[in-house]
Protein backbone atom coordinates (compact mmCIF):
# COMPACT_ATOMS: atom_id res chain seq x y z
CA MET A 1 307.06 138.57 -13.75
CA ALA A 2 310.46 138.09 -12.18
CA ALA A 3 311.80 134.57 -11.89
CA HIS A 4 311.64 132.78 -8.54
CA HIS A 5 314.95 133.04 -6.68
CA THR A 6 315.91 131.23 -3.52
CA ASP A 7 318.72 133.56 -2.39
CA PRO A 8 317.14 136.72 -0.93
CA THR A 9 320.42 138.62 -1.31
CA GLU A 10 320.61 138.08 -5.08
CA PRO A 11 318.84 140.53 -7.40
CA ILE A 12 315.82 139.12 -9.21
CA ILE A 13 316.32 141.43 -12.19
CA PRO A 14 319.34 143.28 -13.58
CA ARG A 15 319.91 146.84 -12.44
CA PRO A 16 318.03 149.10 -14.87
CA GLU A 17 319.33 152.23 -16.53
CA ARG A 18 318.55 155.49 -14.77
CA THR A 19 315.77 156.56 -17.10
CA PRO A 20 312.06 156.83 -16.38
CA ALA A 21 311.23 154.22 -19.02
CA ALA A 22 313.79 151.67 -17.75
CA LEU A 23 312.76 152.24 -14.14
CA ARG A 24 309.09 151.78 -15.06
CA VAL A 25 309.85 148.44 -16.79
CA ALA A 26 311.89 147.28 -13.78
CA LEU A 27 309.24 148.39 -11.32
CA ALA A 28 306.60 146.51 -13.29
CA GLN A 29 308.65 143.35 -12.68
CA VAL A 30 309.52 143.79 -8.99
CA ALA A 31 306.77 145.98 -7.53
CA PRO A 32 303.92 146.52 -10.00
CA HIS A 33 301.66 147.83 -7.23
CA ARG A 34 303.90 150.94 -7.11
CA LEU A 35 303.53 151.93 -10.80
CA ALA A 36 300.67 154.36 -10.15
CA ASP A 37 302.72 156.12 -7.45
CA MET A 38 305.65 156.41 -9.83
CA GLY A 39 303.46 157.87 -12.58
CA ARG A 40 301.90 160.40 -10.22
CA GLN A 41 305.29 161.45 -8.84
CA GLU A 42 306.74 161.74 -12.34
CA ASP A 43 303.90 164.07 -13.37
CA GLU A 44 304.40 166.14 -10.20
CA ALA A 45 308.17 166.37 -10.77
CA ILE A 46 307.75 167.51 -14.36
CA ALA A 47 305.16 170.14 -13.37
CA LEU A 48 307.38 171.43 -10.57
CA ALA A 49 310.40 171.48 -12.88
CA ALA A 50 308.44 173.55 -15.40
CA GLN A 51 307.25 175.97 -12.70
CA SER A 52 310.69 176.38 -11.17
CA ARG A 53 312.58 176.22 -14.46
CA SER A 54 314.92 173.73 -12.82
CA LEU A 55 315.71 170.08 -13.45
CA GLY A 56 316.08 169.54 -9.71
CA PRO A 57 312.63 168.01 -9.21
CA VAL A 58 313.15 165.59 -12.10
CA LEU A 59 316.56 164.56 -10.79
CA GLN A 60 315.10 164.02 -7.31
CA PHE A 61 312.30 161.94 -8.80
CA LEU A 62 314.81 159.77 -10.67
CA GLU A 63 317.03 159.33 -7.60
CA SER A 64 314.06 158.34 -5.47
CA TRP A 65 312.89 155.68 -7.91
CA VAL A 66 316.40 154.39 -8.65
CA VAL A 67 316.72 153.68 -4.92
CA ALA A 68 313.21 152.19 -4.70
CA VAL A 69 313.93 149.80 -7.57
CA GLU A 70 317.34 148.92 -6.14
CA ILE A 71 315.70 147.82 -2.90
CA ALA A 72 312.78 146.07 -4.63
CA ARG A 73 315.03 143.98 -6.86
CA LEU A 74 316.64 142.39 -3.77
CA PRO A 75 314.00 140.15 -2.14
CA GLY A 76 315.59 140.23 1.31
CA ALA A 77 315.92 144.02 1.34
CA ALA A 78 312.39 144.42 -0.01
CA ALA A 79 310.98 142.19 2.73
CA ARG A 80 312.89 144.07 5.42
CA LEU A 81 311.62 147.40 4.04
CA ARG A 82 307.99 146.20 3.99
CA ALA A 83 308.28 144.97 7.58
CA ALA A 84 309.88 148.21 8.77
CA GLU A 85 307.31 150.35 6.94
CA TYR A 86 304.48 148.30 8.45
CA THR A 87 305.93 148.74 11.94
CA ALA A 88 306.49 152.47 11.42
CA GLN A 89 302.91 152.96 10.22
CA ASN A 90 301.31 150.86 12.96
CA THR A 91 303.37 151.74 16.02
CA ASP A 92 303.19 154.79 18.24
CA ARG A 93 306.14 157.14 17.81
CA ASP A 94 306.94 156.83 21.50
CA ASP A 95 307.47 153.09 21.11
CA PRO A 96 311.14 152.08 20.66
CA ALA A 97 309.99 149.76 17.85
CA TRP A 98 309.01 152.83 15.82
CA ARG A 99 312.53 154.26 16.10
CA ALA A 100 314.04 150.86 15.21
CA ALA A 101 311.79 150.65 12.15
CA MET A 102 312.76 154.16 11.03
CA ASP A 103 316.44 153.29 11.50
CA GLU A 104 315.95 150.16 9.38
CA ILE A 105 314.25 152.15 6.60
CA ARG A 106 317.08 154.69 6.63
CA ALA A 107 319.72 151.94 6.60
CA LEU A 108 318.11 150.20 3.64
CA HIS A 109 317.94 153.42 1.63
CA THR A 110 321.54 154.27 2.53
CA ALA A 111 322.75 150.81 1.52
CA ALA A 112 320.89 151.05 -1.79
CA ARG A 113 322.41 154.48 -2.54
CA GLU A 114 325.89 153.20 -1.68
CA SER A 115 325.51 150.14 -3.90
CA LEU A 116 324.47 152.41 -6.75
CA THR A 117 327.59 154.55 -6.40
CA HIS A 118 329.76 151.42 -6.75
CA GLU A 119 328.09 150.09 -9.91
């Protein structure tokens, strides 16, 4: 389990390598409830890569989970994402709160991708 941190902007674990094994270990520390999703998506990506004879699905899988772990290792970002996802799932699409939640989700993913390009 990750150590208790008081600063929500500080990562609770180091940034993992961009490999399925390293991402799985990191995810087990910051969001263990998501491990089954990761395993299922990894299996789907490998099957699709084999069918299409392309590494594209595997690369997309890795990118998706690199971003997910990047957000999850920052407690403040993870909390903001959970709140925005909850709002998006429980609010009517006509409600301005739904759009605000979707914008927040997009902003968090964009910020995570940008931080990864500056590592």
